């Protein structure tokens, strides 16, 4: 399953746009209560912006970044640039096939569901649920449309981009993702307003 998210030049362009949103998430998800080490899973990490912001805000955090092997050198370089690379480890491969590990306090899915299609997105959420520790949180960043498919122009244009450039990708509504999350076992599904085009979706294990 290869699409525009497979290539470092595309996956590294999210850094300046997503960094303020990632900082906002870091300020709203306290991880100090997890003790000496809070494990964070960054799924489809790309530039690493989401995990980097979390690691900057929490000295007890270690980050596992998962993405295609072609992308991870970009993630590594960016983490080193932000002086948090020493707390990173990397898993390269297809999200459907690689093992994520277990006992994460936080899992971040930063703008990946829209490229995966319905079935792969549902499987990814179930897999992420299994990787979290009890009490852990998932944070999902996506362009969101409402149930009637009415959306701001950027989301509409992005949806067209997904339809053209991916095999099964599209933009989802909060209700669709909420249904998948609850079906995977998550609870307390909610929105977190951040400085971005759409709020983050949070849910707990």
Protein backbone atom coordinates (compact mmCIF):
# COMPACT_ATOMS: atom_id res chain seq x y z
CA UNK A 1 0.00 0.00 0.00
CA UNK A 2 2.01 2.96 -1.31
CA UNK A 3 0.74 6.48 -1.77
CA UNK A 4 1.89 10.09 -1.39
CA UNK A 5 2.61 9.47 2.32
CA UNK A 6 5.39 7.04 1.39
CA UNK A 7 7.87 9.69 0.35
CA UNK A 8 10.07 11.78 2.69
CA UNK A 9 9.62 14.98 0.69
CA UNK A 10 5.88 14.83 1.31
CA UNK A 11 6.02 13.51 4.88
CA UNK A 12 8.55 16.15 6.03
CA UNK A 13 6.46 19.13 4.91
CA UNK A 14 4.13 18.91 7.92
CA UNK A 15 6.65 20.34 10.42
CA UNK A 16 5.99 24.11 10.25
CA UNK A 17 2.23 23.62 9.90
CA UNK A 18 1.74 21.02 12.62
CA UNK A 19 4.24 22.23 15.24
CA UNK A 20 1.89 24.74 16.96
CA UNK A 21 -0.82 22.07 17.07
CA UNK A 22 1.65 19.52 18.44
CA UNK A 23 2.75 21.97 21.15
CA UNK A 24 -0.89 22.50 22.09
CA UNK A 25 -1.40 18.75 22.41
CA UNK A 26 1.72 18.47 24.57
CA UNK A 27 0.39 21.13 26.93
CA UNK A 28 -2.94 19.33 27.33
CA UNK A 29 -1.73 15.74 27.83
CA UNK A 30 0.28 15.59 31.08
CA UNK A 31 2.54 12.54 31.16
CA UNK A 32 4.44 13.17 34.40
CA UNK A 33 2.03 10.89 36.27
CA UNK A 34 3.43 7.92 34.30
CA UNK A 35 6.62 7.97 36.36
CA UNK A 36 10.21 7.66 35.24
CA UNK A 37 9.36 6.73 31.65
CA UNK A 38 6.23 7.45 29.65
CA UNK A 39 6.27 5.65 26.33
CA UNK A 40 4.81 7.49 23.32
CA UNK A 41 3.96 5.88 19.99
CA UNK A 42 4.09 8.15 16.91
CA UNK A 43 2.32 6.28 14.10
CA UNK A 44 3.19 7.42 10.55
CA UNK A 45 5.60 9.83 12.20
CA UNK A 46 6.75 11.70 9.09
CA UNK A 47 8.83 14.66 10.23
CA UNK A 48 8.33 13.53 13.83
CA UNK A 49 6.65 16.80 14.78
CA UNK A 50 4.02 15.30 17.10
CA UNK A 51 6.36 13.12 19.11
CA UNK A 52 9.03 15.82 19.19
CA UNK A 53 6.66 18.33 20.81
CA UNK A 54 5.63 15.74 23.41
CA UNK A 55 9.27 14.88 24.16
CA UNK A 56 10.20 18.56 24.49
CA UNK A 57 7.45 19.09 27.05
CA UNK A 58 8.12 15.91 29.07
CA UNK A 59 11.62 14.83 30.05
CA UNK A 60 10.31 11.39 31.06
CA UNK A 61 9.07 10.60 27.55
CA UNK A 62 10.59 8.11 25.12
CA UNK A 63 9.18 8.02 21.60
CA UNK A 64 8.80 5.12 19.18
CA UNK A 65 8.37 6.45 15.64
CA UNK A 66 6.79 4.18 13.02
CA UNK A 67 6.86 4.92 9.30
CA UNK A 68 8.21 3.65 5.99
CA UNK A 69 11.98 3.00 6.03
CA UNK A 70 12.38 5.70 3.37
CA UNK A 71 10.78 8.26 5.69
CA UNK A 72 12.47 7.49 8.99
CA UNK A 73 15.82 9.19 8.15
CA UNK A 74 13.83 12.44 7.96
CA UNK A 75 12.23 11.69 11.34
CA UNK A 76 15.63 10.90 12.86
CA UNK A 77 17.23 14.06 11.49
CA UNK A 78 14.42 16.27 12.79
CA UNK A 79 14.43 14.64 16.24
CA UNK A 80 18.18 15.20 16.44
CA UNK A 81 17.76 18.81 15.35
CA UNK A 82 15.33 19.36 18.23
CA UNK A 83 17.76 17.62 20.64
CA UNK A 84 15.37 14.79 21.57
CA UNK A 85 16.79 12.11 19.25
CA UNK A 86 18.44 10.30 22.14
CA UNK A 87 14.99 9.36 23.43
CA UNK A 88 13.78 7.98 20.08
CA UNK A 89 13.62 4.53 18.60
CA UNK A 90 12.42 3.70 15.11
CA UNK A 91 10.31 0.98 13.49
CA UNK A 92 10.25 0.87 9.69
CA UNK A 93 7.61 -0.87 7.61
CA UNK A 94 3.95 -1.14 6.65
CA UNK A 95 1.66 -0.08 9.49
CA UNK A 96 -0.41 -3.22 8.91
CA UNK A 97 2.57 -5.55 9.35
CA UNK A 98 5.04 -4.15 11.87
CA UNK A 99 4.78 -4.72 15.61
CA UNK A 100 4.17 -1.51 17.55
CA UNK A 101 5.05 -2.84 21.00
CA UNK A 102 3.03 -2.42 24.18
CA UNK A 103 2.34 -0.24 27.22
CA UNK A 104 2.34 3.19 25.60
CA UNK A 105 0.93 6.10 27.59
CA UNK A 106 0.07 8.01 24.42
CA UNK A 107 -0.31 7.05 20.76
CA UNK A 108 -0.43 9.73 18.08
CA UNK A 109 -1.89 9.22 14.62
CA UNK A 110 -0.93 12.39 12.82
CA UNK A 111 -2.82 12.76 9.54
CA UNK A 112 -2.65 9.15 8.39
CA UNK A 113 -6.20 7.77 8.44
CA UNK A 114 -7.26 9.78 5.40
CA UNK A 115 -4.76 7.90 3.21
CA UNK A 116 -5.54 4.41 4.49
CA UNK A 117 -9.15 3.72 3.55
CA UNK A 118 -11.89 2.44 5.83
CA UNK A 119 -10.72 -1.11 6.49
CA UNK A 120 -7.07 -0.26 7.11
CA UNK A 121 -8.08 2.68 9.31
CA UNK A 122 -10.26 0.44 11.48
CA UNK A 123 -7.49 -2.15 11.74
CA UNK A 124 -4.99 0.55 12.64
CA UNK A 125 -7.18 1.83 15.47
CA UNK A 126 -7.65 -1.68 16.86
CA UNK A 127 -3.91 -2.29 16.65
CA UNK A 128 -3.19 1.01 18.39
CA UNK A 129 -5.66 0.14 21.15
CA UNK A 130 -3.75 -3.08 21.82
CA UNK A 131 -0.46 -1.16 22.00
CA UNK A 132 -1.64 1.23 24.71
CA UNK A 133 -1.30 0.69 28.43
CA UNK A 134 -4.53 0.77 30.46
CA UNK A 135 -5.38 4.43 30.92
CA UNK A 136 -3.44 5.39 27.81
CA UNK A 137 -4.71 7.95 25.30
CA UNK A 138 -4.90 8.06 21.52
CA UNK A 139 -4.65 11.42 19.73
CA UNK A 140 -5.77 11.62 16.10
CA UNK A 141 -5.09 14.57 13.83
CA UNK A 142 -7.23 14.71 10.68
CA UNK A 143 -9.13 17.08 8.45
CA UNK A 144 -12.71 16.53 9.60
CA UNK A 145 -15.98 16.98 7.75
CA UNK A 146 -19.42 16.71 9.27
CA UNK A 147 -21.85 13.89 8.61
CA UNK A 148 -23.52 15.69 5.70
CA UNK A 149 -20.15 16.02 3.92
CA UNK A 150 -20.28 19.78 4.33
CA UNK A 151 -16.83 21.10 5.10
CA UNK A 152 -14.64 24.18 4.83
CA UNK A 153 -13.01 24.60 1.44
CA UNK A 154 -9.55 23.35 2.58
CA UNK A 155 -11.08 20.06 3.75
CA UNK A 156 -13.02 19.71 0.50
CA UNK A 157 -9.88 20.29 -1.57
CA UNK A 158 -7.92 17.89 0.61
CA UNK A 159 -10.59 15.24 0.15
CA UNK A 160 -10.27 15.61 -3.63
CA UNK A 161 -6.52 15.24 -3.27
CA UNK A 162 -6.98 11.98 -1.37
CA UNK A 163 -9.38 10.61 -3.95
CA UNK A 164 -6.92 11.39 -6.73
CA UNK A 165 -3.64 10.39 -5.09
CA UNK A 166 -4.55 7.35 -2.98
CA UNK A 167 -6.22 4.03 -3.65
CA UNK A 168 -8.91 4.31 -0.97
CA UNK A 169 -8.22 7.49 0.97
CA UNK A 170 -10.78 10.13 1.84
CA UNK A 171 -11.63 12.63 4.55
CA UNK A 172 -13.73 11.35 7.47
CA UNK A 173 -16.24 12.84 9.87
CA UNK A 174 -15.85 12.84 13.63
CA UNK A 175 -18.82 10.46 13.87
CA UNK A 176 -17.14 7.90 11.62
CA UNK A 177 -13.87 7.94 13.57
CA UNK A 178 -15.75 7.94 16.87
CA UNK A 179 -17.61 4.79 15.79
CA UNK A 180 -14.36 3.03 14.89
CA UNK A 181 -12.76 4.07 18.17
CA UNK A 182 -15.63 2.77 20.26
CA UNK A 183 -15.69 -0.42 18.23
CA UNK A 184 -12.01 -0.89 19.02
CA UNK A 185 -12.64 -0.55 22.76
CA UNK A 186 -11.85 3.12 23.33
CA UNK A 187 -13.96 5.30 25.62
CA UNK A 188 -14.34 9.00 26.41
CA UNK A 189 -14.04 10.00 22.75
CA UNK A 190 -13.78 13.78 22.56
CA UNK A 191 -12.49 16.74 20.58
CA UNK A 192 -9.59 18.96 21.57
CA UNK A 193 -9.47 22.40 19.99
CA UNK A 194 -5.98 23.28 18.76
CA UNK A 195 -4.47 25.90 16.42
CA UNK A 196 -5.20 23.86 13.30
CA UNK A 197 -7.90 23.48 10.65
CA UNK A 198 -9.66 20.72 12.63
CA UNK A 199 -9.63 19.75 16.32
CA UNK A 200 -7.80 16.65 17.52
CA UNK A 201 -9.77 13.54 18.43
CA UNK A 202 -8.83 12.04 21.79
CA UNK A 203 -9.96 8.76 23.36
CA UNK A 204 -8.83 6.60 26.26
CA UNK A 205 -8.16 2.91 26.81
